[in-house]
PDB file of N, CA and C in Angstrom:
ATOM      1  N   MET A   1     -44.479 220.699  50.799  1.00  0.00           N
ATOM      2  CA  MET A   1     -45.451 220.978  49.777  1.00  0.00           C
ATOM      3  C   MET A   1     -46.752 220.239  50.132  1.00  0.00           C
ATOM      4  N   LYS A   2     -47.861 220.963  50.102  1.00  0.00           N
ATOM      5  CA  LYS A   2     -49.155 220.360  50.361  1.00  0.00           C
ATOM      6  C   LYS A   2     -49.784 219.929  49.043  1.00  0.00           C
ATOM      7  N   ARG A   3     -50.395 218.770  49.078  1.00  0.00           N
ATOM      8  CA  ARG A   3     -51.112 218.275  47.906  1.00  0.00           C
ATOM      9  C   ARG A   3     -52.547 217.999  48.306  1.00  0.00           C
ATOM     10  N   LYS A   4     -53.442 218.228  47.392  1.00  0.00           N
ATOM     11  CA  LYS A   4     -54.843 218.008  47.644  1.00  0.00           C
ATOM     12  C   LYS A   4     -55.369 217.009  46.614  1.00  0.00           C
ATOM     13  N   LEU A   5     -56.170 216.052  47.095  1.00  0.00           N
ATOM     14  CA  LEU A   5     -56.778 215.065  46.225  1.00  0.00           C
ATOM     15  C   LEU A   5     -58.285 215.175  46.373  1.00  0.00           C
ATOM     16  N   GLN A   6     -58.970 215.376  45.269  1.00  0.00           N
ATOM     17  CA  GLN A   6     -60.422 215.453  45.266  1.00  0.00           C
ATOM     18  C   GLN A   6     -60.965 214.079  44.855  1.00  0.00           C
ATOM     19  N   ILE A   7     -61.868 213.532  45.677  1.00  0.00           N
ATOM     20  CA  ILE A   7     -62.475 212.236  45.384  1.00  0.00           C
ATOM     21  C   ILE A   7     -63.980 212.435  45.256  1.00  0.00           C
ATOM     22  N   ILE A   8     -64.531 211.938  44.154  1.00  0.00           N
ATOM     23  CA  ILE A   8     -65.967 212.049  43.904  1.00  0.00           C
ATOM     24  C   ILE A   8     -66.509 210.647  43.687  1.00  0.00           C
ATOM     25  N   ASP A   9     -67.555 210.300  44.411  1.00  0.00           N
ATOM     26  CA  ASP A   9     -68.210 209.006  44.292  1.00  0.00           C
ATOM     27  C   ASP A   9     -69.685 209.268  44.016  1.00  0.00           C
ATOM     28  N   TRP A  10     -70.191 208.756  42.882  1.00  0.00           N
ATOM     29  CA  TRP A  10     -71.546 209.106  42.470  1.00  0.00           C
ATOM     30  C   TRP A  10     -72.228 207.879  41.868  1.00  0.00           C
ATOM     31  N   ASN A  11     -73.395 207.521  42.408  1.00  0.00           N
ATOM     32  CA  ASN A  11     -74.228 206.519  41.769  1.00  0.00           C
ATOM     33  C   ASN A  11     -74.915 207.243  40.617  1.00  0.00           C
ATOM     34  N   PHE A  12     -74.390 207.043  39.441  1.00  0.00           N
ATOM     35  CA  PHE A  12     -74.728 207.844  38.276  1.00  0.00           C
ATOM     36  C   PHE A  12     -76.158 207.645  37.806  1.00  0.00           C
ATOM     37  N   CYS A  13     -76.748 206.499  38.097  1.00  0.00           N
ATOM     38  CA  CYS A  13     -78.121 206.191  37.685  1.00  0.00           C
ATOM     39  C   CYS A  13     -78.204 206.221  36.158  1.00  0.00           C
ATOM     40  N   TRP A  14     -78.350 205.078  35.572  1.00  0.00           N
ATOM     41  CA  TRP A  14     -78.196 204.909  34.132  1.00  0.00           C
ATOM     42  C   TRP A  14     -79.213 205.654  33.285  1.00  0.00           C
ATOM     43  N   HIS A  15     -80.346 206.027  33.829  1.00  0.00           N
ATOM     44  CA  HIS A  15     -81.323 206.747  33.013  1.00  0.00           C
ATOM     45  C   HIS A  15     -81.266 208.234  33.340  1.00  0.00           C
ATOM     46  N   GLY A  16     -81.735 209.036  32.442  1.00  0.00           N
ATOM     47  CA  GLY A  16     -81.733 210.478  32.682  1.00  0.00           C
ATOM     48  C   GLY A  16     -80.866 211.212  31.677  1.00  0.00           C
ATOM     49  N   TYR A  17     -80.538 212.420  32.026  1.00  0.00           N
ATOM     50  CA  TYR A  17     -79.779 213.304  31.135  1.00  0.00           C
ATOM     51  C   TYR A  17     -78.290 213.123  31.391  1.00  0.00           C
ATOM     52  N   ASN A  18     -77.738 212.077  30.825  1.00  0.00           N
ATOM     53  CA  ASN A  18     -76.358 211.719  31.109  1.00  0.00           C
ATOM     54  C   ASN A  18     -75.365 212.807  30.730  1.00  0.00           C
ATOM     55  N   LYS A  19     -75.523 213.411  29.569  1.00  0.00           N
ATOM     56  CA  LYS A  19     -74.558 214.428  29.136  1.00  0.00           C
ATOM     57  C   LYS A  19     -74.578 215.632  30.066  1.00  0.00           C
ATOM     58  N   LYS A  20     -75.746 216.057  30.500  1.00  0.00           N
ATOM     59  CA  LYS A  20     -75.830 217.197  31.418  1.00  0.00           C
ATOM     60  C   LYS A  20     -75.202 216.863  32.771  1.00  0.00           C
ATOM     61  N   LYS A  21     -75.431 215.644  33.257  1.00  0.00           N
ATOM     62  CA  LYS A  21     -74.819 215.225  34.519  1.00  0.00           C
ATOM     63  C   LYS A  21     -73.298 215.211  34.394  1.00  0.00           C
ATOM     64  N   LEU A  22     -72.809 214.700  33.269  1.00  0.00           N
ATOM     65  CA  LEU A  22     -71.357 214.641  33.063  1.00  0.00           C
ATOM     66  C   LEU A  22     -70.755 216.029  32.910  1.00  0.00           C
ATOM     67  N   GLU A  23     -71.425 216.897  32.186  1.00  0.00           N
ATOM     68  CA  GLU A  23     -70.929 218.273  32.047  1.00  0.00           C
ATOM     69  C   GLU A  23     -70.811 218.929  33.422  1.00  0.00           C
ATOM     70  N   PHE A  24     -71.825 218.748  34.260  1.00  0.00           N
ATOM     71  CA  PHE A  24     -71.769 219.308  35.614  1.00  0.00           C
ATOM     72  C   PHE A  24     -70.607 218.699  36.394  1.00  0.00           C
ATOM     73  N   LEU A  25     -70.515 217.380  36.382  1.00  0.00           N
ATOM     74  CA  LEU A  25     -69.474 216.699  37.141  1.00  0.00           C
ATOM     75  C   LEU A  25     -68.086 217.186  36.755  1.00  0.00           C
ATOM     76  N   PHE A  26     -67.785 217.183  35.466  1.00  0.00           N
ATOM     77  CA  PHE A  26     -66.442 217.541  35.033  1.00  0.00           C
ATOM     78  C   PHE A  26     -66.186 219.051  35.106  1.00  0.00           C
ATOM     79  N   SER A  27     -67.226 219.849  35.330  1.00  0.00           N
ATOM     80  CA  SER A  27     -67.018 221.288  35.519  1.00  0.00           C
ATOM     81  C   SER A  27     -66.574 221.621  36.942  1.00  0.00           C
ATOM     82  N   ILE A  28     -66.802 220.718  37.886  1.00  0.00           N
ATOM     83  CA  ILE A  28     -66.454 221.006  39.285  1.00  0.00           C
ATOM     84  C   ILE A  28     -65.162 220.331  39.733  1.00  0.00           C
ATOM     85  N   VAL A  29     -64.576 219.519  38.883  1.00  0.00           N
ATOM     86  CA  VAL A  29     -63.372 218.798  39.300  1.00  0.00           C
ATOM     87  C   VAL A  29     -62.149 219.700  39.266  1.00  0.00           C
ATOM     88  N   GLU A  30     -61.179 219.316  40.081  1.00  0.00           N
ATOM     89  CA  GLU A  30     -59.923 220.049  40.147  1.00  0.00           C
ATOM     90  C   GLU A  30     -58.822 219.202  39.541  1.00  0.00           C
ATOM     91  N   GLU A  31     -57.588 219.667  39.682  1.00  0.00           N
ATOM     92  CA  GLU A  31     -56.468 219.022  39.000  1.00  0.00           C
ATOM     93  C   GLU A  31     -56.242 217.584  39.452  1.00  0.00           C
ATOM     94  N   ASN A  32     -56.168 217.333  40.739  1.00  0.00           N
ATOM     95  CA  ASN A  32     -55.904 215.994  41.264  1.00  0.00           C
ATOM     96  C   ASN A  32     -57.226 215.369  41.682  1.00  0.00           C
ATOM     97  N   THR A  33     -57.824 214.612  40.789  1.00  0.00           N
ATOM     98  CA  THR A  33     -59.171 214.107  41.038  1.00  0.00           C
ATOM     99  C   THR A  33     -59.272 212.628  40.706  1.00  0.00           C
ATOM    100  N   CYS A  34     -60.027 211.921  41.542  1.00  0.00           N
ATOM    101  CA  CYS A  34     -60.375 210.534  41.303  1.00  0.00           C
ATOM    102  C   CYS A  34     -61.901 210.450  41.381  1.00  0.00           C
ATOM    103  N   ILE A  35     -62.524 209.966  40.310  1.00  0.00           N
ATOM    104  CA  ILE A  35     -63.984 209.916  40.214  1.00  0.00           C
ATOM    105  C   ILE A  35     -64.411 208.458  40.094  1.00  0.00           C
ATOM    106  N   MET A  36     -65.365 208.056  40.927  1.00  0.00           N
ATOM    107  CA  MET A  36     -65.950 206.728  40.837  1.00  0.00           C
ATOM    108  C   MET A  36     -67.428 206.894  40.489  1.00  0.00           C
ATOM    109  N   LEU A  37     -67.847 206.245  39.403  1.00  0.00           N
ATOM    110  CA  LEU A  37     -69.241 206.317  38.963  1.00  0.00           C
ATOM    111  C   LEU A  37     -69.816 204.903  38.908  1.00  0.00           C
ATOM    112  N   GLN A  38     -70.998 204.728  39.491  1.00  0.00           N
ATOM    113  CA  GLN A  38     -71.684 203.446  39.425  1.00  0.00           C
ATOM    114  C   GLN A  38     -72.865 203.557  38.464  1.00  0.00           C
ATOM    115  N   GLU A  39     -73.324 202.403  37.974  1.00  0.00           N
ATOM    116  CA  GLU A  39     -74.457 202.291  37.050  1.00  0.00           C
ATOM    117  C   GLU A  39     -74.204 203.015  35.729  1.00  0.00           C
ATOM    118  N   VAL A  40     -73.061 202.738  35.131  1.00  0.00           N
ATOM    119  CA  VAL A  40     -72.682 203.368  33.865  1.00  0.00           C
ATOM    120  C   VAL A  40     -72.838 202.356  32.732  1.00  0.00           C
ATOM    121  N   MET A  41     -73.688 202.696  31.775  1.00  0.00           N
ATOM    122  CA  MET A  41     -73.908 201.848  30.601  1.00  0.00           C
ATOM    123  C   MET A  41     -72.704 201.957  29.656  1.00  0.00           C
ATOM    124  N   PRO A  42     -72.465 200.937  28.821  1.00  0.00           N
ATOM    125  CA  PRO A  42     -71.324 200.972  27.902  1.00  0.00           C
ATOM    126  C   PRO A  42     -71.305 202.195  26.982  1.00  0.00           C
ATOM    127  N   ASP A  43     -72.447 202.616  26.458  1.00  0.00           N
ATOM    128  CA  ASP A  43     -72.454 203.773  25.560  1.00  0.00           C
ATOM    129  C   ASP A  43     -72.111 205.061  26.311  1.00  0.00           C
ATOM    130  N   VAL A  44     -72.495 205.148  27.568  1.00  0.00           N
ATOM    131  CA  VAL A  44     -72.146 206.321  28.373  1.00  0.00           C
ATOM    132  C   VAL A  44     -70.644 206.312  28.670  1.00  0.00           C
ATOM    133  N   PHE A  45     -70.086 205.128  28.956  1.00  0.00           N
ATOM    134  CA  PHE A  45     -68.641 205.048  29.170  1.00  0.00           C
ATOM    135  C   PHE A  45     -67.886 205.469  27.916  1.00  0.00           C
ATOM    136  N   ASP A  46     -68.348 205.026  26.754  1.00  0.00           N
ATOM    137  CA  ASP A  46     -67.697 205.441  25.500  1.00  0.00           C
ATOM    138  C   ASP A  46     -67.720 206.962  25.358  1.00  0.00           C
ATOM    139  N   TYR A  47     -68.848 207.572  25.689  1.00  0.00           N
ATOM    140  CA  TYR A  47     -68.951 209.032  25.629  1.00  0.00           C
ATOM    141  C   TYR A  47     -67.964 209.682  26.605  1.00  0.00           C
ATOM    142  N   ILE A  48     -67.907 209.176  27.828  1.00  0.00           N
ATOM    143  CA  ILE A  48     -66.984 209.723  28.836  1.00  0.00           C
ATOM    144  C   ILE A  48     -65.549 209.618  28.335  1.00  0.00           C
ATOM    145  N   LYS A  49     -65.182 208.435  27.858  1.00  0.00           N
ATOM    146  CA  LYS A  49     -63.812 208.195  27.394  1.00  0.00           C
ATOM    147  C   LYS A  49     -63.455 209.097  26.214  1.00  0.00           C
ATOM    148  N   ASN A  50     -64.374 209.236  25.261  1.00  0.00           N
ATOM    149  CA  ASN A  50     -64.101 210.060  24.080  1.00  0.00           C
ATOM    150  C   ASN A  50     -64.087 211.553  24.400  1.00  0.00           C
ATOM    151  N   THR A  51     -64.884 211.976  25.361  1.00  0.00           N
ATOM    152  CA  THR A  51     -64.992 213.397  25.681  1.00  0.00           C
ATOM    153  C   THR A  51     -63.924 213.862  26.658  1.00  0.00           C
ATOM    154  N   TYR A  52     -63.588 213.027  27.638  1.00  0.00           N
ATOM    155  CA  TYR A  52     -62.696 213.460  28.715  1.00  0.00           C
ATOM    156  C   TYR A  52     -61.394 212.660  28.769  1.00  0.00           C
ATOM    157  N   GLY A  53     -61.159 211.842  27.776  1.00  0.00           N
ATOM    158  CA  GLY A  53     -59.991 210.971  27.765  1.00  0.00           C
ATOM    159  C   GLY A  53     -58.653 211.678  27.674  1.00  0.00           C
ATOM    160  N   ASP A  54     -58.653 212.937  27.273  1.00  0.00           N
ATOM    161  CA  ASP A  54     -57.379 213.659  27.193  1.00  0.00           C
ATOM    162  C   ASP A  54     -56.872 214.082  28.576  1.00  0.00           C
ATOM    163  N   LYS A  55     -57.747 214.094  29.587  1.00  0.00           N
ATOM    164  CA  LYS A  55     -57.347 214.552  30.920  1.00  0.00           C
ATOM    165  C   LYS A  55     -57.393 213.452  31.981  1.00  0.00           C
ATOM    166  N   TYR A  56     -57.995 212.300  31.638  1.00  0.00           N
ATOM    167  CA  TYR A  56     -58.208 211.256  32.639  1.00  0.00           C
ATOM    168  C   TYR A  56     -57.828 209.888  32.108  1.00  0.00           C
ATOM    169  N   ASN A  57     -57.384 209.022  33.020  1.00  0.00           N
ATOM    170  CA  ASN A  57     -57.213 207.601  32.754  1.00  0.00           C
ATOM    171  C   ASN A  57     -58.440 206.892  33.313  1.00  0.00           C
ATOM    172  N   PHE A  58     -58.864 205.819  32.645  1.00  0.00           N
ATOM    173  CA  PHE A  58     -60.106 205.153  33.018  1.00  0.00           C
ATOM    174  C   PHE A  58     -59.915 203.668  33.254  1.00  0.00           C
ATOM    175  N   ILE A  59     -60.722 203.149  34.170  1.00  0.00           N
ATOM    176  CA  ILE A  59     -60.915 201.719  34.351  1.00  0.00           C
ATOM    177  C   ILE A  59     -62.429 201.519  34.327  1.00  0.00           C
ATOM    178  N   TYR A  60     -62.893 200.524  33.556  1.00  0.00           N
ATOM    179  CA  TYR A  60     -64.322 200.254  33.442  1.00  0.00           C
ATOM    180  C   TYR A  60     -64.550 198.778  33.740  1.00  0.00           C
ATOM    181  N   SER A  61     -65.401 198.494  34.698  1.00  0.00           N
ATOM    182  CA  SER A  61     -65.586 197.119  35.160  1.00  0.00           C
ATOM    183  C   SER A  61     -66.048 196.170  34.059  1.00  0.00           C
ATOM    184  N   LEU A  62     -66.851 196.647  33.116  1.00  0.00           N
ATOM    185  CA  LEU A  62     -67.341 195.758  32.066  1.00  0.00           C
ATOM    186  C   LEU A  62     -66.258 195.394  31.062  1.00  0.00           C
ATOM    187  N   ASP A  63     -65.100 196.065  31.111  1.00  0.00           N
ATOM    188  CA  ASP A  63     -63.964 195.650  30.294  1.00  0.00           C
ATOM    189  C   ASP A  63     -63.393 194.329  30.801  1.00  0.00           C
ATOM    190  N   TYR A  64     -63.667 193.989  32.058  1.00  0.00           N
ATOM    191  CA  TYR A  64     -63.131 192.782  32.676  1.00  0.00           C
ATOM    192  C   TYR A  64     -64.130 191.623  32.675  1.00  0.00           C
ATOM    193  N   ARG A  65     -65.395 191.927  32.544  1.00  0.00           N
ATOM    194  CA  ARG A  65     -66.421 190.885  32.420  1.00  0.00           C
ATOM    195  C   ARG A  65     -67.602 191.456  31.651  1.00  0.00           C
ATOM    196  N   GLU A  66     -67.676 191.111  30.386  1.00  0.00           N
ATOM    197  CA  GLU A  66     -68.787 191.589  29.568  1.00  0.00           C
ATOM    198  C   GLU A  66     -70.061 190.840  29.957  1.00  0.00           C
ATOM    199  N   PRO A  67     -71.216 191.514  29.862  1.00  0.00           N
ATOM    200  CA  PRO A  67     -72.483 190.837  30.154  1.00  0.00           C
ATOM    201  C   PRO A  67     -72.685 189.641  29.223  1.00  0.00           C
ATOM    202  N   GLY A  68     -73.217 188.565  29.788  1.00  0.00           N
ATOM    203  CA  GLY A  68     -73.482 187.362  29.014  1.00  0.00           C
ATOM    204  C   GLY A  68     -74.830 187.421  28.319  1.00  0.00           C
ATOM    205  N   LEU A  69     -75.085 186.441  27.503  1.00  0.00           N
ATOM    206  CA  LEU A  69     -76.302 186.375  26.710  1.00  0.00           C
ATOM    207  C   LEU A  69     -77.559 186.404  27.576  1.00  0.00           C
ATOM    208  N   PHE A  70     -77.529 185.758  28.721  1.00  0.00           N
ATOM    209  CA  PHE A  70     -78.722 185.646  29.552  1.00  0.00           C
ATOM    210  C   PHE A  70     -78.707 186.597  30.753  1.00  0.00           C
ATOM    211  N   ASP A  71     -77.743 187.513  30.806  1.00  0.00           N
ATOM    212  CA  ASP A  71     -77.712 188.511  31.878  1.00  0.00           C
ATOM    213  C   ASP A  71     -78.835 189.522  31.684  1.00  0.00           C
ATOM    214  N   THR A  72     -79.351 190.034  32.780  1.00  0.00           N
ATOM    215  CA  THR A  72     -80.395 191.062  32.708  1.00  0.00           C
ATOM    216  C   THR A  72     -79.762 192.415  32.396  1.00  0.00           C
ATOM    217  N   ASN A  73     -80.599 193.421  32.175  1.00  0.00           N
ATOM    218  CA  ASN A  73     -80.094 194.765  31.900  1.00  0.00           C
ATOM    219  C   ASN A  73     -79.275 195.312  33.059  1.00  0.00           C
ATOM    220  N   ALA A  74     -79.589 194.894  34.280  1.00  0.00           N
ATOM    221  CA  ALA A  74     -78.830 195.369  35.432  1.00  0.00           C
ATOM    222  C   ALA A  74     -77.367 194.968  35.325  1.00  0.00           C
ATOM    223  N   ARG A  75     -77.078 193.843  34.679  1.00  0.00           N
ATOM    224  CA  ARG A  75     -75.691 193.382  34.526  1.00  0.00           C
ATOM    225  C   ARG A  75     -74.936 194.233  33.500  1.00  0.00           C
ATOM    226  N   LYS A  76     -75.649 195.048  32.742  1.00  0.00           N
ATOM    227  CA  LYS A  76     -75.007 195.915  31.756  1.00  0.00           C
ATOM    228  C   LYS A  76     -74.609 197.257  32.357  1.00  0.00           C
ATOM    229  N   LEU A  77     -74.733 197.376  33.669  1.00  0.00           N
ATOM    230  CA  LEU A  77     -74.328 198.595  34.369  1.00  0.00           C
ATOM    231  C   LEU A  77     -72.956 198.359  34.970  1.00  0.00           C
ATOM    232  N   GLY A  78     -72.025 199.221  34.643  1.00  0.00           N
ATOM    233  CA  GLY A  78     -70.665 199.044  35.128  1.00  0.00           C
ATOM    234  C   GLY A  78     -70.231 200.154  36.065  1.00  0.00           C
ATOM    235  N   VAL A  79     -69.035 199.999  36.570  1.00  0.00           N
ATOM    236  CA  VAL A  79     -68.409 200.992  37.437  1.00  0.00           C
ATOM    237  C   VAL A  79     -67.228 201.591  36.683  1.00  0.00           C
ATOM    238  N   VAL A  80     -67.134 202.918  36.720  1.00  0.00           N
ATOM    239  CA  VAL A  80     -66.018 203.633  36.084  1.00  0.00           C
ATOM    240  C   VAL A  80     -65.179 204.283  37.174  1.00  0.00           C
ATOM    241  N   ILE A  81     -63.876 204.134  37.060  1.00  0.00           N
ATOM    242  CA  ILE A  81     -62.949 204.907  37.880  1.00  0.00           C
ATOM    243  C   ILE A  81     -62.159 205.778  36.913  1.00  0.00           C
ATOM    244  N   ALA A  82     -62.216 207.078  37.131  1.00  0.00           N
ATOM    245  CA  ALA A  82     -61.485 208.042  36.301  1.00  0.00           C
ATOM    246  C   ALA A  82     -60.538 208.810  37.202  1.00  0.00           C
ATOM    247  N   CYS A  83     -59.270 208.827  36.849  1.00  0.00           N
ATOM    248  CA  CYS A  83     -58.273 209.550  37.627  1.00  0.00           C
ATOM    249  C   CYS A  83     -57.525 210.515  36.720  1.00  0.00           C
ATOM    250  N   SER A  84     -57.215 211.670  37.266  1.00  0.00           N
ATOM    251  CA  SER A  84     -56.410 212.643  36.521  1.00  0.00           C
ATOM    252  C   SER A  84     -55.164 211.952  35.998  1.00  0.00           C
ATOM    253  N   LYS A  85     -54.700 212.373  34.847  1.00  0.00           N
ATOM    254  CA  LYS A  85     -53.532 211.744  34.214  1.00  0.00           C
ATOM    255  C   LYS A  85     -52.292 211.760  35.104  1.00  0.00           C
ATOM    256  N   ASN A  86     -52.220 212.715  36.041  1.00  0.00           N
ATOM    257  CA  ASN A  86     -51.042 212.788  36.914  1.00  0.00           C
ATOM    258  C   ASN A  86     -51.125 211.792  38.079  1.00  0.00           C
ATOM    259  N   ILE A  87     -52.215 211.022  38.176  1.00  0.00           N
ATOM    260  CA  ILE A  87     -52.387 210.013  39.213  1.00  0.00           C
ATOM    261  C   ILE A  87     -52.192 208.646  38.561  1.00  0.00           C
ATOM    262  N   LYS A  88     -51.323 207.845  39.139  1.00  0.00           N
ATOM    263  CA  LYS A  88     -51.022 206.539  38.573  1.00  0.00           C
ATOM    264  C   LYS A  88     -52.032 205.515  39.079  1.00  0.00           C
ATOM    265  N   ILE A  89     -52.647 204.760  38.157  1.00  0.00           N
ATOM    266  CA  ILE A  89     -53.577 203.683  38.503  1.00  0.00           C
ATOM    267  C   ILE A  89     -52.799 202.380  38.458  1.00  0.00           C
ATOM    268  N   LEU A  90     -52.809 201.669  39.564  1.00  0.00           N
ATOM    269  CA  LEU A  90     -52.078 200.381  39.627  1.00  0.00           C
ATOM    270  C   LEU A  90     -52.991 199.221  39.337  1.00  0.00           C
TER     271      LEU A  90
END
């Protein structure tokens, strides 16, 4: 049996039309997919999780280290890894 894994790596760039970019991204994915997004703000991650959480498992870097009081806005940009539910994240 042949299996195919689609991997997408995208520097998401925190400004711009986030919903349109996400709609495009998730319209091209296939069943076995792993997506890595850089420069994702917390509110955008919440949107991703709430909109696509039924099909994907997520890891978000800012869940492991929240920005501190004196961190710049650049520190509020996280990395998201989204994998199809049939892919186990260790």
